[in-house]
Amino acid sequence: VSFSLLRNDIGEVTGYIGYLQDITQQKETEKLLEEQTKLLKHQAYHDMLTALPNRMLFHDRLEQAIAQAKRNNEKFALLFIDLDQFKNINDSLGHHIGDEVLIEAANRLRSTIREQDTLSRLGGDEFTIILRDIDSVQNTTTVARKIIASIKEPMQIASQTLYISSSIGISIYPDDTTIAENLIKYADAAMYRAKDEGRDNFQFYSSEMTTIAFEKVVMENSLRVAIKEEQFEVYYQPQYDIQNNTIVGMEALVRWIHPSLGIISPVKFIPLAETTGLIVDIDRIVMKTAMQQFVQWYEKGLNPGILALNLAMRQLKEEDFISYLLGTMQELHFKPEWLELEITEGQMMSNPDLSIQKLQRLYQLGIEIAIDDFGTGYSSLSYLKKMPLSKLKIDQSFVHDIPDDEDDVAIIKAIIALGKSLNLSLIAEGVETEEQKEFLVHEKCDYVQGYFYSKPIHHEEMTKLLAAI
C-alpha cells in the first residue's frame, strides 16, 4: 500500500490518494527463491542419498573439532567406517538394493552416537564419525563395538535378508596427530588394517601402519613396472595319480623375479595385486606363458597332462575374460581339454550367481573347473550342485596333521564322501609325508600334489622330468 497527497491551488492538503498493489505473486516468488537457495545450500553440504553431511561439510566439521579440542584441551576420535564386501551387493543385487543398504546403515550409525558428534558419508560405502570430547580411548572402543554390532544385525531389504559387516579405523586427536589431513590418513590406514585382520573389527592407528602403507605404495609401483617388463616366471608343481604315481597334470604358479630382490613369493604380492586389480594382468601373463609351454611339451611328444591355472574372481568379472581366453587358446593352438581353471571356494561364493553363469560357459567349451582350497569357505550345497565342477581340491590345512588329528581326518573323509556323491574327482594339496599319502590312498582320494612328490619347479626341470617318464 502507498499514499499520495492531494493539494489545492494554494498548496493546502485536501486529501489523499491510496494505491493498493497485490504482491502475493512477488512474495510467493521470493519464498520459492529462498527455499531453493536453502535447498541448494543443503545439497552442497549434504549427501543426496542419506542426507548426512558430505565430504565438504565433514572437512569443515573436522577443522571445528580440532579448534575446539585445542581451545579446551580435549581429545576427540575420528572413525573411518567401511561396509565389508559392499561391492558384491551392488554387483549381484543391483544398485537400488545397494542404496537401500546405505540408507539403513546410515540410520543405524546415527543411533550409536551423541547429538554433539558428526556422522558423515564420504561417498560409496565409506562413513566417518567425529566423536567429540572423549574422556578416554575406552569411550571410543565402546562406540566402535556398538557400531559393529548394529551393522551386523540382519537387514530386511526388498523382501531379502542381508547380512553386512563393517571395518573401522580410528585415529585420536591429539595423541596421533594434530593435523586434519593426517587424522584422516591415519584413520584410513587403520581401517585397512581392520580389513586385513579379517574384517568385522576395529583397529586403532599405530605408527607401524604408516610404514606398512608406504611399503604397499612402493610394492604397488614395483608391481606395475614388473607387469610392464614381464618380470614373472611360471613354476610348475606336478599332480599325481595316487594309485600309480603317474603325472596327470600340473599347477602353474607365478614367481616374481625382481631385478634386485631376486625371487619374490606370491604370498608377498598376490594379496596386493588382488586389491589393486593388477591380478588381472598378472594372471594373463601366467596364462599365456604356461599355455605356450604346454603346447611346446605336446609338440615334443611329452605328456604334461592338464594345465591347472588359478582364476581370480576379479579376472572372472572382466567382461572380456572369456573372449581373451578363447583368443589366446586359438592363437597358441592350445586345446580346451588341456585346461583346468581353479577358483577358490571363498571367491566363488562371493558372487555365486556370476560364478555359475561364467563357469557354465567355460565348462561347455570343454574346460574343466575345480574348486581350490575346498573346506575353508562356506559353500552352499545348493550352489555346489549347480556349479559345473569336475574336481574338488582339498585344502592343505586339513592335510598337514593327518593321520594324527582326528578333526582333520573327519573333515577329509567328509569331503571325499561329498565329492564322490557328486561324481567329482578329488585332489589333496600339501602332501608332504608317506603317512599322509597312505591315508589318502586308503580313503580313495584320486590325485595328490605336494612336496612329498615335487616342489614347484622351473620349466627346464619339468621338461627333464617329463622326458624321463
Protein backbone atom coordinates (compact mmCIF):
# COMPACT_ATOMS: atom_id res chain seq x y z
CA VAL A 1 0.00 0.00 0.00
CA SER A 2 1.26 3.54 -0.81
CA PHE A 3 -0.30 7.07 -0.49
CA SER A 4 -0.03 10.41 -2.30
CA LEU A 5 -1.17 13.85 -1.02
CA LEU A 6 -3.83 15.93 -2.82
CA ARG A 7 -3.29 19.72 -2.68
CA ASN A 8 -5.32 22.72 -3.83
CA ASP A 9 -4.08 25.68 -5.84
CA ILE A 10 -2.53 27.34 -2.82
CA GLY A 11 -0.76 24.16 -1.70
CA GLU A 12 -3.04 23.05 1.10
CA VAL A 13 -3.55 19.31 1.67
CA THR A 14 -7.08 18.50 0.73
CA GLY A 15 -6.99 14.72 0.62
CA TYR A 16 -5.09 11.55 -0.02
CA ILE A 17 -4.92 9.03 -2.82
CA GLY A 18 -4.18 5.46 -1.80
CA TYR A 19 -2.61 2.86 -4.10
CA LEU A 20 -3.13 -0.83 -3.33
CA GLN A 21 -0.99 -3.39 -5.15
CA ASP A 22 -1.35 -7.20 -4.88
CA ILE A 23 2.17 -8.56 -4.22
CA THR A 24 1.10 -12.13 -3.43
CA GLN A 25 2.87 -13.42 -6.54
CA GLN A 26 6.03 -11.49 -5.66
CA LYS A 27 6.06 -12.86 -2.09
CA GLU A 28 5.50 -16.40 -3.33
CA THR A 29 8.35 -15.99 -5.81
CA GLU A 30 10.65 -14.63 -3.09
CA LYS A 31 9.68 -17.51 -0.78
CA LEU A 32 10.33 -20.03 -3.55
CA LEU A 33 13.73 -18.48 -4.29
CA GLU A 34 14.59 -18.55 -0.58
CA GLU A 35 13.61 -22.23 -0.32
CA GLN A 36 15.58 -23.10 -3.46
CA THR A 37 18.61 -21.27 -2.08
CA LYS A 38 18.34 -23.20 1.18
CA LEU A 39 17.94 -26.47 -0.75
CA LEU A 40 20.95 -25.77 -2.94
CA LYS A 41 23.00 -24.85 0.12
CA HIS A 42 21.89 -28.05 1.86
CA GLN A 43 22.69 -30.14 -1.21
CA ALA A 44 26.13 -28.56 -1.45
CA TYR A 45 26.99 -29.80 2.04
CA HIS A 46 24.90 -32.96 2.40
CA ASP A 47 24.77 -36.38 0.78
CA MET A 48 21.73 -36.73 -1.51
CA LEU A 49 21.02 -40.36 -0.59
CA THR A 50 21.35 -40.36 3.20
CA ALA A 51 21.04 -36.60 3.97
CA LEU A 52 24.23 -36.89 6.03
CA PRO A 53 26.99 -34.27 5.90
CA ASN A 54 29.10 -34.88 2.79
CA ARG A 55 32.87 -34.74 2.30
CA MET A 56 32.95 -30.94 2.15
CA LEU A 57 30.99 -30.43 5.38
CA PHE A 58 32.95 -33.24 7.05
CA HIS A 59 36.23 -31.39 6.46
CA ASP A 60 34.70 -28.20 7.89
CA ARG A 61 33.42 -30.03 10.99
CA LEU A 62 36.80 -31.71 11.46
CA GLU A 63 38.57 -28.34 11.48
CA GLN A 64 35.97 -27.09 14.00
CA ALA A 65 36.59 -30.14 16.19
CA ILE A 66 40.35 -29.52 16.12
CA ALA A 67 39.89 -25.84 17.05
CA GLN A 68 37.54 -26.69 19.93
CA ALA A 69 39.74 -29.51 21.23
CA LYS A 70 42.80 -27.28 21.11
CA ARG A 71 40.98 -24.45 22.90
CA ASN A 72 39.53 -26.69 25.63
CA ASN A 73 42.44 -29.13 25.89
CA GLU A 74 40.19 -32.06 24.86
CA LYS A 75 40.58 -35.31 22.96
CA PHE A 76 38.38 -36.48 20.11
CA ALA A 77 38.32 -39.56 17.90
CA LEU A 78 37.90 -39.89 14.14
CA LEU A 79 36.33 -43.16 12.98
CA PHE A 80 36.52 -44.36 9.38
CA ILE A 81 33.80 -46.96 8.70
CA ASP A 82 33.63 -49.14 5.60
CA LEU A 83 30.95 -51.74 4.81
CA ASP A 84 32.62 -55.09 4.04
CA GLN A 85 32.08 -56.64 0.60
CA PHE A 86 29.53 -53.94 -0.28
CA LYS A 87 30.50 -54.10 -3.96
CA ASN A 88 29.21 -57.66 -4.11
CA ILE A 89 25.75 -56.41 -3.13
CA ASN A 90 25.74 -53.86 -5.94
CA ASP A 91 27.07 -56.40 -8.45
CA SER A 92 24.72 -59.24 -7.54
CA LEU A 93 21.54 -57.50 -6.36
CA GLY A 94 21.70 -54.15 -8.13
CA HIS A 95 22.43 -50.56 -7.13
CA HIS A 96 18.86 -49.93 -5.96
CA ILE A 97 19.34 -52.57 -3.25
CA GLY A 98 22.78 -51.16 -2.50
CA ASP A 99 21.25 -47.71 -1.96
CA GLU A 100 18.71 -49.13 0.49
CA VAL A 101 21.54 -50.82 2.40
CA LEU A 102 23.41 -47.50 2.63
CA ILE A 103 20.31 -45.70 3.94
CA GLU A 104 19.73 -48.41 6.56
CA ALA A 105 23.41 -48.35 7.55
CA ALA A 106 23.27 -44.56 7.94
CA ASN A 107 20.21 -44.83 10.20
CA ARG A 108 21.91 -47.45 12.35
CA LEU A 109 25.07 -45.36 12.65
CA ARG A 110 23.01 -42.34 13.75
CA SER A 111 21.62 -44.38 16.63
CA THR A 112 25.09 -45.12 18.01
CA ILE A 113 26.32 -41.54 18.51
CA ARG A 114 25.50 -38.41 20.53
CA GLU A 115 23.99 -35.19 19.22
CA GLN A 116 27.33 -33.40 19.53
CA ASP A 117 29.10 -35.94 17.29
CA THR A 118 29.24 -35.72 13.49
CA LEU A 119 28.34 -38.60 11.18
CA SER A 120 29.23 -38.10 7.50
CA ARG A 121 29.18 -40.08 4.29
CA LEU A 122 32.28 -39.51 2.18
CA GLY A 123 30.97 -41.49 -0.77
CA GLY A 124 30.35 -45.10 -1.75
CA ASP A 125 30.17 -47.21 1.39
CA GLU A 126 32.55 -45.03 3.43
CA PHE A 127 31.28 -43.20 6.51
CA THR A 128 33.08 -41.15 9.16
CA ILE A 129 32.24 -40.21 12.73
CA ILE A 130 33.83 -37.41 14.75
CA LEU A 131 33.44 -38.35 18.42
CA ARG A 132 33.93 -35.11 20.33
CA ASP A 133 35.31 -34.66 23.83
CA ILE A 134 36.11 -38.27 24.68
CA ASP A 135 37.23 -38.94 28.26
CA SER A 136 39.34 -41.93 27.29
CA VAL A 137 40.11 -44.34 24.49
CA GLN A 138 37.71 -46.75 26.19
CA ASN A 139 34.80 -44.47 25.22
CA THR A 140 35.78 -44.88 21.58
CA THR A 141 36.12 -48.64 21.94
CA THR A 142 32.57 -48.81 23.33
CA VAL A 143 31.17 -46.85 20.37
CA ALA A 144 33.13 -48.92 17.83
CA ARG A 145 31.75 -52.14 19.32
CA LYS A 146 28.21 -50.71 19.22
CA ILE A 147 28.65 -49.81 15.55
CA ILE A 148 29.93 -53.27 14.58
CA ALA A 149 27.09 -54.96 16.48
CA SER A 150 24.49 -52.62 14.97
CA ILE A 151 25.63 -53.11 11.36
CA LYS A 152 25.79 -56.90 11.84
CA GLU A 153 22.09 -57.14 12.66
CA PRO A 154 20.22 -58.68 9.67
CA MET A 155 18.84 -56.11 7.21
CA GLN A 156 15.42 -56.63 5.65
CA ILE A 157 15.74 -55.02 2.22
CA ALA A 158 13.11 -55.55 -0.50
CA SER A 159 11.92 -58.86 0.99
CA GLN A 160 15.51 -60.10 1.28
CA THR A 161 17.51 -60.69 4.44
CA LEU A 162 21.05 -59.37 4.07
CA TYR A 163 23.97 -59.81 6.42
CA ILE A 164 26.51 -57.00 6.40
CA SER A 165 29.63 -56.37 8.46
CA SER A 166 31.89 -53.34 8.84
CA SER A 167 35.55 -52.49 9.33
CA ILE A 168 36.53 -49.43 11.39
CA GLY A 169 39.77 -47.48 11.64
CA ILE A 170 40.33 -44.97 14.45
CA SER A 171 42.73 -42.06 14.96
CA ILE A 172 42.87 -39.89 18.09
CA TYR A 173 43.45 -36.13 18.43
CA PRO A 174 45.97 -35.05 19.69
CA ASP A 175 47.61 -38.41 20.55
CA ASP A 176 48.21 -39.46 16.94
CA THR A 177 48.43 -36.05 15.28
CA THR A 178 47.06 -32.50 15.44
CA ILE A 179 46.74 -32.11 11.66
CA ALA A 180 43.38 -32.79 9.98
CA GLU A 181 44.86 -34.37 6.86
CA ASN A 182 46.91 -36.80 8.95
CA LEU A 183 43.96 -37.71 11.17
CA ILE A 184 42.10 -38.75 8.01
CA LYS A 185 45.08 -40.62 6.59
CA TYR A 186 45.73 -42.47 9.85
CA ALA A 187 42.10 -43.49 10.38
CA ASP A 188 42.01 -44.73 6.78
CA ALA A 189 45.20 -46.78 7.31
CA ALA A 190 43.72 -48.29 10.48
CA MET A 191 40.54 -49.18 8.61
CA TYR A 192 42.54 -51.10 6.00
CA ARG A 193 44.37 -52.89 8.80
CA ALA A 194 40.95 -53.94 10.15
CA LYS A 195 40.13 -55.39 6.72
CA ASP A 196 43.48 -57.20 6.60
CA GLU A 197 42.69 -58.68 10.02
CA GLY A 198 39.60 -60.39 8.62
CA ARG A 199 37.04 -57.55 8.52
CA ASP A 200 34.19 -57.14 11.03
CA ASN A 201 36.51 -55.47 13.58
CA PHE A 202 38.07 -52.14 14.53
CA GLN A 203 41.68 -51.04 14.79
CA PHE A 204 43.34 -48.02 16.39
CA TYR A 205 46.07 -46.31 14.40
CA SER A 206 49.69 -47.12 15.23
CA SER A 207 52.83 -45.68 13.64
CA GLU A 208 53.76 -49.00 12.02
CA MET A 209 50.67 -48.66 9.81
CA THR A 210 52.23 -45.66 8.08
CA THR A 211 55.32 -47.73 7.34
CA ILE A 212 53.20 -50.58 6.02
CA ALA A 213 51.13 -48.19 3.90
CA PHE A 214 54.33 -46.71 2.43
CA GLU A 215 55.67 -50.19 1.70
CA LYS A 216 52.41 -51.03 -0.07
CA VAL A 217 52.74 -47.96 -2.29
CA VAL A 218 56.33 -48.91 -3.15
CA MET A 219 55.29 -52.52 -3.77
CA GLU A 220 52.39 -51.46 -5.99
CA ASN A 221 54.62 -49.22 -8.10
CA SER A 222 57.17 -52.03 -8.40
CA LEU A 223 54.40 -54.44 -9.43
CA ARG A 224 53.29 -52.09 -12.19
CA VAL A 225 56.85 -52.00 -13.50
CA ALA A 226 57.08 -55.79 -13.21
CA ILE A 227 53.92 -56.21 -15.31
CA LYS A 228 55.20 -53.80 -17.94
CA GLU A 229 58.58 -55.55 -18.10
CA GLU A 230 57.10 -59.05 -17.53
CA GLN A 231 59.38 -59.82 -14.58
CA PHE A 232 57.44 -63.02 -13.89
CA GLU A 233 58.29 -66.68 -14.35
CA VAL A 234 55.99 -69.66 -14.14
CA TYR A 235 56.89 -72.66 -12.00
CA TYR A 236 55.06 -75.96 -12.27
CA GLN A 237 54.08 -78.35 -9.48
CA PRO A 238 53.11 -81.79 -10.81
CA GLN A 239 49.92 -83.54 -9.79
CA TYR A 240 49.97 -87.33 -9.49
CA ASP A 241 47.51 -90.18 -9.76
CA ILE A 242 47.68 -91.55 -6.23
CA GLN A 243 47.29 -95.18 -7.33
CA ASN A 244 50.03 -95.46 -9.95
CA ASN A 245 52.19 -92.36 -9.26
CA THR A 246 51.92 -91.04 -12.84
CA ILE A 247 51.78 -87.33 -13.64
CA VAL A 248 48.25 -86.32 -14.66
CA GLY A 249 48.76 -82.57 -14.76
CA MET A 250 50.45 -79.65 -13.07
CA GLU A 251 49.56 -76.38 -11.40
CA ALA A 252 51.12 -73.21 -12.81
CA LEU A 253 52.46 -71.00 -10.01
CA VAL A 254 53.81 -67.50 -10.56
CA ARG A 255 57.11 -66.20 -9.20
CA TRP A 256 58.18 -62.56 -9.36
CA ILE A 257 61.82 -62.30 -10.42
CA HIS A 258 62.73 -58.88 -9.02
CA PRO A 259 65.89 -57.35 -10.58
CA SER A 260 67.44 -56.57 -7.17
CA LEU A 261 65.48 -58.66 -4.64
CA GLY A 262 65.50 -61.93 -6.58
CA ILE A 263 62.59 -64.38 -6.39
CA ILE A 264 59.57 -62.97 -4.53
CA SER A 265 56.97 -65.47 -3.32
CA PRO A 266 53.35 -64.93 -4.43
CA VAL A 267 52.39 -64.79 -0.74
CA LYS A 268 54.11 -61.39 -0.68
CA PHE A 269 52.46 -59.77 -3.69
CA ILE A 270 49.28 -61.62 -4.73
CA PRO A 271 47.06 -60.10 -1.96
CA LEU A 272 48.14 -56.60 -3.04
CA ALA A 273 47.64 -57.49 -6.71
CA GLU A 274 44.09 -58.62 -5.92
CA THR A 275 43.13 -55.45 -4.04
CA THR A 276 44.60 -53.16 -6.72
CA GLY A 277 43.23 -55.11 -9.67
CA LEU A 278 46.73 -55.83 -11.01
CA ILE A 279 45.97 -59.54 -10.60
CA VAL A 280 44.15 -59.43 -13.95
CA ASP A 281 47.34 -58.52 -15.84
CA ILE A 282 49.46 -60.97 -13.83
CA ASP A 283 47.00 -63.82 -14.40
CA ARG A 284 47.05 -63.16 -18.13
CA ILE A 285 50.85 -63.21 -18.25
CA VAL A 286 50.86 -66.55 -16.40
CA MET A 287 48.07 -67.92 -18.60
CA LYS A 288 49.83 -67.13 -21.87
CA THR A 289 53.27 -68.26 -20.67
CA ALA A 290 52.01 -71.58 -19.31
CA MET A 291 49.90 -72.32 -22.39
CA GLN A 292 52.88 -71.66 -24.68
CA GLN A 293 54.98 -74.05 -22.60
CA PHE A 294 52.32 -76.78 -22.66
CA VAL A 295 51.98 -76.55 -26.43
CA GLN A 296 55.78 -76.93 -26.73
CA TRP A 297 55.74 -80.01 -24.50
CA TYR A 298 52.97 -81.64 -26.51
CA GLU A 299 54.75 -80.82 -29.78
CA LYS A 300 57.86 -82.58 -28.42
CA GLY A 301 55.82 -85.70 -27.76
CA LEU A 302 55.77 -85.22 -23.99
CA ASN A 303 52.59 -85.61 -21.92
CA PRO A 304 52.23 -82.90 -19.25
CA GLY A 305 48.54 -83.75 -18.76
CA ILE A 306 46.20 -80.98 -17.58
CA LEU A 307 47.30 -77.37 -17.01
CA ALA A 308 45.75 -76.08 -13.77
CA LEU A 309 45.53 -72.28 -13.66
CA ASN A 310 44.39 -70.25 -10.67
CA LEU A 311 41.49 -67.98 -11.58
CA ALA A 312 40.91 -64.83 -9.53
CA MET A 313 37.31 -63.67 -9.12
CA ARG A 314 38.48 -60.26 -10.36
CA GLN A 315 39.52 -61.96 -13.59
CA LEU A 316 36.22 -63.80 -13.92
CA LYS A 317 34.33 -60.50 -13.58
CA GLU A 318 36.20 -58.95 -16.52
CA GLU A 319 33.78 -58.59 -19.44
CA ASP A 320 36.39 -59.66 -21.98
CA PHE A 321 37.80 -62.59 -19.97
CA ILE A 322 36.18 -65.42 -21.92
CA SER A 323 36.93 -63.81 -25.30
CA TYR A 324 40.53 -63.17 -24.19
CA LEU A 325 40.91 -66.78 -23.01
CA LEU A 326 39.49 -68.23 -26.22
CA GLY A 327 41.57 -65.86 -28.35
CA THR A 328 44.76 -66.85 -26.54
CA MET A 329 43.99 -70.57 -26.85
CA GLN A 330 43.28 -70.20 -30.55
CA GLU A 331 46.42 -68.14 -31.15
CA LEU A 332 48.63 -70.71 -29.39
CA HIS A 333 46.78 -73.82 -30.67
CA PHE A 334 46.06 -74.80 -27.08
CA LYS A 335 43.23 -77.33 -26.73
CA PRO A 336 40.39 -76.64 -24.24
CA GLU A 337 40.62 -80.18 -22.84
CA TRP A 338 44.16 -79.44 -21.67
CA LEU A 339 42.95 -76.71 -19.32
CA GLU A 340 41.58 -76.71 -15.78
CA LEU A 341 40.66 -73.45 -14.04
CA GLU A 342 40.87 -73.36 -10.25
CA ILE A 343 38.77 -70.86 -8.31
CA THR A 344 38.89 -70.71 -4.52
CA GLU A 345 35.78 -71.59 -2.58
CA GLY A 346 35.72 -68.18 -0.88
CA GLN A 347 35.93 -66.25 -4.15
CA MET A 348 33.34 -68.44 -5.82
CA MET A 349 30.83 -67.84 -3.02
CA SER A 350 31.45 -64.07 -3.00
CA ASN A 351 29.26 -63.91 -6.12
CA PRO A 352 27.82 -67.39 -6.74
CA ASP A 353 25.32 -66.40 -9.44
CA LEU A 354 28.01 -64.76 -11.58
CA SER A 355 30.31 -67.72 -10.93
CA ILE A 356 27.70 -70.20 -12.16
CA GLN A 357 26.95 -68.15 -15.28
CA LYS A 358 30.58 -67.69 -16.37
CA LEU A 359 31.81 -71.14 -15.33
CA GLN A 360 28.94 -72.84 -17.17
CA ARG A 361 30.08 -71.17 -20.35
CA LEU A 362 33.69 -72.27 -19.83
CA TYR A 363 32.62 -75.81 -18.97
CA GLN A 364 30.59 -76.03 -22.18
CA LEU A 365 33.77 -75.21 -24.11
CA GLY A 366 35.44 -78.32 -22.68
CA ILE A 367 37.40 -76.60 -19.91
CA GLU A 368 37.47 -78.35 -16.53
CA ILE A 369 36.57 -76.39 -13.38
CA ALA A 370 37.96 -77.13 -9.90
CA ILE A 371 37.22 -75.58 -6.51
CA ASP A 372 40.53 -74.71 -4.84
CA ASP A 373 41.09 -74.71 -1.06
CA PHE A 374 37.86 -76.63 -0.55
CA GLY A 375 36.69 -76.78 3.05
CA THR A 376 37.96 -73.31 4.02
CA GLY A 377 34.93 -71.35 2.74
CA TYR A 378 31.20 -71.52 3.26
CA SER A 379 29.84 -73.21 0.17
CA SER A 380 26.11 -73.70 -0.03
CA LEU A 381 25.34 -77.26 -1.14
CA SER A 382 22.56 -75.91 -3.35
CA TYR A 383 25.10 -73.77 -5.22
CA LEU A 384 27.63 -76.60 -5.23
CA LYS A 385 25.14 -78.77 -7.14
CA LYS A 386 24.61 -76.03 -9.73
CA MET A 387 28.31 -75.40 -10.33
CA PRO A 388 29.75 -77.11 -13.44
CA LEU A 389 32.55 -78.72 -11.44
CA SER A 390 34.88 -81.57 -12.26
CA LYS A 391 37.14 -81.55 -9.21
CA LEU A 392 37.41 -80.59 -5.53
CA LYS A 393 40.83 -79.62 -4.22
CA ILE A 394 41.22 -80.42 -0.50
CA ASP A 395 42.99 -77.55 1.24
CA GLN A 396 46.45 -78.31 2.61
CA SER A 397 45.48 -77.01 6.07
CA PHE A 398 43.45 -80.22 6.52
CA VAL A 399 46.22 -82.43 5.12
CA HIS A 400 49.02 -81.09 7.30
CA ASP A 401 48.20 -83.00 10.51
CA ILE A 402 46.71 -86.23 9.16
CA PRO A 403 46.50 -89.00 10.18
CA ASP A 404 47.10 -87.82 13.77
CA ASP A 405 44.50 -85.06 14.04
CA GLU A 406 41.04 -86.61 14.44
CA ASP A 407 39.20 -83.47 13.36
CA ASP A 408 41.18 -83.18 10.12
CA VAL A 409 40.70 -86.89 9.46
CA ALA A 410 36.93 -86.49 9.86
CA ILE A 411 36.85 -83.41 7.62
CA ILE A 412 38.83 -85.07 4.82
CA LYS A 413 36.65 -88.18 4.96
CA ALA A 414 33.55 -85.98 4.71
CA ILE A 415 34.95 -84.00 1.75
CA ILE A 416 35.89 -87.18 -0.11
CA ALA A 417 32.44 -88.66 0.54
CA LEU A 418 30.79 -85.45 -0.68
CA GLY A 419 32.94 -85.36 -3.81
CA LYS A 420 32.22 -88.99 -4.65
CA SER A 421 28.47 -88.46 -4.19
CA LEU A 422 28.62 -85.57 -6.69
CA ASN A 423 30.79 -87.57 -9.13
CA LEU A 424 33.72 -85.19 -8.69
CA SER A 425 37.41 -86.05 -8.71
CA LEU A 426 39.37 -85.21 -5.56
CA ILE A 427 42.90 -83.91 -5.24
CA ALA A 428 44.70 -83.26 -1.96
CA GLU A 429 47.30 -80.50 -1.91
CA GLY A 430 50.16 -80.05 0.53
CA VAL A 431 51.07 -83.76 0.78
CA GLU A 432 54.49 -83.91 2.43
CA THR A 433 54.84 -87.31 4.13
CA GLU A 434 54.45 -91.00 3.40
CA GLU A 435 51.86 -91.23 6.20
CA GLN A 436 49.71 -88.55 4.61
CA LYS A 437 49.92 -90.26 1.24
CA GLU A 438 48.99 -93.68 2.66
CA PHE A 439 45.99 -92.22 4.48
CA LEU A 440 44.76 -90.61 1.24
CA VAL A 441 45.31 -93.86 -0.68
CA HIS A 442 43.22 -95.70 1.91
CA GLU A 443 40.43 -93.09 1.67
CA LYS A 444 40.44 -93.38 -2.14
CA CYS A 445 41.44 -89.80 -2.90
CA ASP A 446 42.13 -89.62 -6.66
CA TYR A 447 45.08 -87.26 -7.02
CA VAL A 448 47.78 -85.65 -4.89
CA GLN A 449 50.10 -82.68 -5.06
CA GLY A 450 52.83 -81.60 -2.68
CA TYR A 451 56.48 -81.59 -1.66
CA PHE A 452 56.43 -85.35 -0.97
CA TYR A 453 56.33 -85.71 -4.75
CA SER A 454 57.86 -82.49 -6.03
CA LYS A 455 58.23 -78.83 -5.18
CA PRO A 456 57.22 -76.29 -7.86
CA ILE A 457 59.98 -76.40 -10.49
CA HIS A 458 61.17 -74.35 -13.48
CA HIS A 459 60.03 -75.40 -16.95
CA GLU A 460 63.51 -76.72 -17.79
CA GLU A 461 63.45 -79.11 -14.82
CA MET A 462 59.89 -80.10 -15.66
CA THR A 463 60.95 -80.90 -19.24
CA LYS A 464 63.59 -83.30 -17.88
CA LEU A 465 61.06 -84.88 -15.51
CA LEU A 466 58.54 -85.44 -18.31
CA ALA A 467 61.21 -86.79 -20.67
CA ALA A 468 62.28 -89.35 -18.05
CA ILE A 469 58.81 -90.89 -17.86
